[in-house]
Amino acid sequence: MLLAGFDVPASDVLDLAVMLRRADYAHTADAIEGAIVADLPDVALTIPDRAAILRVLDEPPAGPLAQLRGSLLEEHVGRVRDGLA
């Protein structure tokens, strides 16, 4: 599944949804889980969704979730630099 344009295995996406729900980011968890249930290949993430993911992946496990965090962090830095965040 693509999250923010980054390919993440379904098992890691489910782990991420659990982390989001435990951290009270139910809206983002619902969006991700809904995409899994609907078998969507790509999840469109809002800026608040991306921020929530960055928060729960503060210390991500090695692998795709760490790579996702790195990609989201680069995007965030770019938005801040350009005055968009």
N, C-alpha and C. Protein backbone atom coordinates (compact mmCIF):
# COMPACT_ATOMS: atom_id res chain seq x y z
N MET A 1 0.85 -1.17 0.00
CA MET A 1 0.00 0.00 0.00
C MET A 1 0.90 1.24 0.00
N LEU A 2 0.47 2.25 -0.72
CA LEU A 2 1.22 3.50 -0.76
C LEU A 2 0.68 4.48 0.28
N LEU A 3 1.57 4.91 1.16
CA LEU A 3 1.25 5.97 2.13
C LEU A 3 2.15 7.15 1.80
N ALA A 4 1.54 8.26 1.46
CA ALA A 4 2.31 9.45 1.09
C ALA A 4 3.27 9.12 -0.06
N GLY A 5 2.83 8.24 -0.96
CA GLY A 5 3.65 7.87 -2.09
C GLY A 5 4.75 6.87 -1.78
N PHE A 6 4.77 6.35 -0.56
CA PHE A 6 5.82 5.43 -0.13
C PHE A 6 5.21 4.05 0.07
N ASP A 7 5.80 3.03 -0.52
CA ASP A 7 5.26 1.67 -0.44
C ASP A 7 5.54 1.06 0.93
N VAL A 8 4.46 0.71 1.63
CA VAL A 8 4.57 0.13 2.97
C VAL A 8 3.77 -1.18 2.98
N PRO A 9 4.36 -2.29 3.42
CA PRO A 9 3.63 -3.56 3.48
C PRO A 9 2.39 -3.45 4.38
N ALA A 10 1.37 -4.21 4.02
CA ALA A 10 0.10 -4.16 4.74
C ALA A 10 0.27 -4.43 6.24
N SER A 11 1.14 -5.35 6.60
CA SER A 11 1.33 -5.66 8.03
C SER A 11 1.87 -4.43 8.78
N ASP A 12 2.76 -3.68 8.15
CA ASP A 12 3.29 -2.46 8.78
C ASP A 12 2.23 -1.37 8.82
N VAL A 13 1.38 -1.32 7.81
CA VAL A 13 0.29 -0.33 7.80
C VAL A 13 -0.65 -0.61 8.96
N LEU A 14 -0.95 -1.88 9.18
CA LEU A 14 -1.82 -2.24 10.32
C LEU A 14 -1.15 -1.89 11.64
N ASP A 15 0.15 -2.14 11.77
CA ASP A 15 0.87 -1.76 12.98
C ASP A 15 0.80 -0.26 13.20
N LEU A 16 0.95 0.50 12.12
CA LEU A 16 0.87 1.95 12.21
C LEU A 16 -0.51 2.39 12.67
N ALA A 17 -1.55 1.77 12.14
CA ALA A 17 -2.92 2.11 12.54
C ALA A 17 -3.13 1.86 14.03
N VAL A 18 -2.57 0.78 14.54
CA VAL A 18 -2.67 0.49 15.98
C VAL A 18 -1.95 1.56 16.79
N MET A 19 -0.75 1.94 16.35
CA MET A 19 0.00 2.99 17.06
C MET A 19 -0.78 4.31 17.06
N LEU A 20 -1.39 4.64 15.93
CA LEU A 20 -2.16 5.88 15.83
C LEU A 20 -3.37 5.85 16.77
N ARG A 21 -4.06 4.73 16.79
CA ARG A 21 -5.25 4.61 17.65
C ARG A 21 -4.85 4.72 19.13
N ARG A 22 -3.77 4.08 19.52
CA ARG A 22 -3.30 4.15 20.92
C ARG A 22 -2.89 5.56 21.32
N ALA A 23 -2.45 6.35 20.35
CA ALA A 23 -2.01 7.72 20.62
C ALA A 23 -3.15 8.73 20.42
N ASP A 24 -4.38 8.24 20.31
CA ASP A 24 -5.57 9.09 20.15
C ASP A 24 -5.62 9.83 18.83
N TYR A 25 -5.11 9.22 17.78
CA TYR A 25 -5.25 9.75 16.43
C TYR A 25 -6.19 8.83 15.65
N ALA A 26 -7.40 8.68 16.20
CA ALA A 26 -8.38 7.74 15.64
C ALA A 26 -8.76 8.11 14.20
N HIS A 27 -8.86 9.40 13.90
CA HIS A 27 -9.26 9.81 12.56
C HIS A 27 -8.25 9.29 11.52
N THR A 28 -6.98 9.44 11.80
CA THR A 28 -5.95 8.97 10.87
C THR A 28 -5.95 7.44 10.82
N ALA A 29 -6.09 6.80 11.98
CA ALA A 29 -6.16 5.33 12.02
C ALA A 29 -7.35 4.84 11.21
N ASP A 30 -8.50 5.50 11.35
CA ASP A 30 -9.70 5.11 10.59
C ASP A 30 -9.48 5.23 9.09
N ALA A 31 -8.81 6.30 8.67
CA ALA A 31 -8.55 6.51 7.24
C ALA A 31 -7.67 5.40 6.69
N ILE A 32 -6.65 5.05 7.44
CA ILE A 32 -5.73 4.00 6.99
C ILE A 32 -6.42 2.64 6.99
N GLU A 33 -7.13 2.33 8.06
CA GLU A 33 -7.83 1.04 8.13
C GLU A 33 -8.92 0.95 7.06
N GLY A 34 -9.60 2.06 6.81
CA GLY A 34 -10.63 2.07 5.78
C GLY A 34 -10.05 1.78 4.40
N ALA A 35 -8.88 2.30 4.14
CA ALA A 35 -8.21 2.04 2.86
C ALA A 35 -7.83 0.56 2.74
N ILE A 36 -7.42 -0.03 3.86
CA ILE A 36 -7.08 -1.45 3.85
C ILE A 36 -8.32 -2.28 3.56
N VAL A 37 -9.41 -1.99 4.27
CA VAL A 37 -10.66 -2.74 4.08
C VAL A 37 -11.18 -2.59 2.65
N ALA A 38 -11.07 -1.38 2.10
CA ALA A 38 -11.54 -1.13 0.74
C ALA A 38 -10.54 -1.60 -0.32
N ASP A 39 -9.40 -2.14 0.13
CA ASP A 39 -8.36 -2.64 -0.75
C ASP A 39 -7.88 -1.55 -1.72
N LEU A 40 -7.72 -0.35 -1.19
CA LEU A 40 -7.20 0.77 -1.99
C LEU A 40 -5.67 0.66 -2.06
N PRO A 41 -5.11 0.92 -3.22
CA PRO A 41 -3.65 0.80 -3.34
C PRO A 41 -2.89 2.00 -2.78
N ASP A 42 -3.61 3.11 -2.57
CA ASP A 42 -2.96 4.36 -2.17
C ASP A 42 -3.84 5.07 -1.15
N VAL A 43 -3.21 5.63 -0.12
CA VAL A 43 -3.94 6.38 0.89
C VAL A 43 -3.53 7.85 0.78
N ALA A 44 -4.50 8.70 0.55
CA ALA A 44 -4.23 10.13 0.52
C ALA A 44 -4.20 10.63 1.95
N LEU A 45 -3.07 11.18 2.36
CA LEU A 45 -2.92 11.67 3.73
C LEU A 45 -2.97 13.19 3.75
N THR A 46 -3.73 13.72 4.69
CA THR A 46 -3.76 15.16 4.88
C THR A 46 -2.52 15.58 5.66
N ILE A 47 -2.28 16.86 5.72
CA ILE A 47 -1.14 17.35 6.51
C ILE A 47 -1.31 16.96 7.98
N PRO A 48 -2.51 17.09 8.58
CA PRO A 48 -2.66 16.61 9.96
C PRO A 48 -2.41 15.10 10.11
N ASP A 49 -2.80 14.31 9.10
CA ASP A 49 -2.52 12.87 9.13
C ASP A 49 -1.01 12.63 9.14
N ARG A 50 -0.31 13.37 8.30
CA ARG A 50 1.14 13.23 8.21
C ARG A 50 1.81 13.62 9.53
N ALA A 51 1.30 14.68 10.15
CA ALA A 51 1.85 15.12 11.44
C ALA A 51 1.61 14.06 12.51
N ALA A 52 0.42 13.46 12.51
CA ALA A 52 0.11 12.40 13.48
C ALA A 52 1.05 11.22 13.30
N ILE A 53 1.29 10.84 12.06
CA ILE A 53 2.20 9.72 11.79
C ILE A 53 3.61 10.05 12.26
N LEU A 54 4.06 11.26 12.01
CA LEU A 54 5.38 11.66 12.49
C LEU A 54 5.47 11.56 14.01
N ARG A 55 4.40 11.94 14.70
CA ARG A 55 4.41 11.89 16.16
C ARG A 55 4.50 10.46 16.67
N VAL A 56 3.72 9.54 16.08
CA VAL A 56 3.74 8.16 16.59
C VAL A 56 4.98 7.41 16.14
N LEU A 57 5.62 7.88 15.09
CA LEU A 57 6.84 7.23 14.62
C LEU A 57 8.08 7.97 15.09
N ASP A 58 7.99 8.58 16.27
CA ASP A 58 9.13 9.31 16.81
C ASP A 58 10.36 8.41 16.91
N GLU A 59 10.15 7.18 17.31
CA GLU A 59 11.21 6.18 17.36
C GLU A 59 10.70 4.93 16.64
N PRO A 60 10.68 4.97 15.30
CA PRO A 60 10.07 3.87 14.55
C PRO A 60 10.92 2.61 14.55
N PRO A 61 10.26 1.47 14.37
CA PRO A 61 11.03 0.24 14.19
C PRO A 61 11.77 0.32 12.86
N ALA A 62 12.87 -0.38 12.75
CA ALA A 62 13.63 -0.40 11.50
C ALA A 62 12.76 -0.94 10.38
N GLY A 63 13.03 -0.49 9.19
CA GLY A 63 12.31 -0.99 8.02
C GLY A 63 11.43 0.07 7.39
N PRO A 64 10.34 -0.38 6.76
CA PRO A 64 9.49 0.53 6.00
C PRO A 64 8.93 1.70 6.81
N LEU A 65 8.57 1.48 8.07
CA LEU A 65 8.01 2.58 8.86
C LEU A 65 9.07 3.64 9.16
N ALA A 66 10.30 3.22 9.35
CA ALA A 66 11.38 4.20 9.55
C ALA A 66 11.61 4.99 8.26
N GLN A 67 11.53 4.32 7.13
CA GLN A 67 11.68 4.99 5.85
C GLN A 67 10.52 5.95 5.59
N LEU A 68 9.31 5.53 5.95
CA LEU A 68 8.14 6.40 5.82
C LEU A 68 8.33 7.65 6.65
N ARG A 69 8.78 7.48 7.89
CA ARG A 69 9.00 8.62 8.76
C ARG A 69 10.02 9.58 8.14
N GLY A 70 11.10 9.03 7.60
CA GLY A 70 12.11 9.87 6.98
C GLY A 70 11.55 10.68 5.82
N SER A 71 10.73 10.05 5.01
CA SER A 71 10.12 10.73 3.88
C SER A 71 9.16 11.84 4.34
N LEU A 72 8.32 11.51 5.34
CA LEU A 72 7.38 12.51 5.87
C LEU A 72 8.12 13.66 6.54
N LEU A 73 9.21 13.35 7.20
CA LEU A 73 9.99 14.40 7.87
C LEU A 73 10.60 15.35 6.84
N GLU A 74 11.13 14.79 5.76
CA GLU A 74 11.68 15.64 4.68
C GLU A 74 10.60 16.56 4.12
N GLU A 75 9.40 16.02 3.90
CA GLU A 75 8.29 16.84 3.39
C GLU A 75 7.95 17.95 4.37
N HIS A 76 7.91 17.61 5.65
CA HIS A 76 7.57 18.59 6.69
C HIS A 76 8.61 19.72 6.72
N VAL A 77 9.87 19.36 6.68
CA VAL A 77 10.95 20.35 6.69
C VAL A 77 10.80 21.27 5.48
N GLY A 78 10.47 20.71 4.34
CA GLY A 78 10.26 21.51 3.14
C GLY A 78 9.09 22.47 3.27
N ARG A 79 8.00 22.01 3.87
CA ARG A 79 6.83 22.89 4.09
C ARG A 79 7.18 24.02 5.04
N VAL A 80 7.92 23.71 6.09
CA VAL A 80 8.33 24.75 7.05
C VAL A 80 9.25 25.75 6.36
N ARG A 81 10.21 25.24 5.61
CA ARG A 81 11.16 26.10 4.91
C ARG A 81 10.45 27.04 3.94
N ASP A 82 9.41 26.53 3.27
CA ASP A 82 8.69 27.32 2.29
C ASP A 82 7.55 28.15 2.89
N GLY A 83 7.43 28.10 4.24
CA GLY A 83 6.41 28.88 4.92
C GLY A 83 5.01 28.33 4.78
N LEU A 84 4.89 27.04 4.48
CA LEU A 84 3.58 26.41 4.30
C LEU A 84 3.08 25.72 5.57
N ALA A 85 3.92 25.62 6.56
CA ALA A 85 3.50 24.94 7.80
C ALA A 85 3.84 25.80 9.00
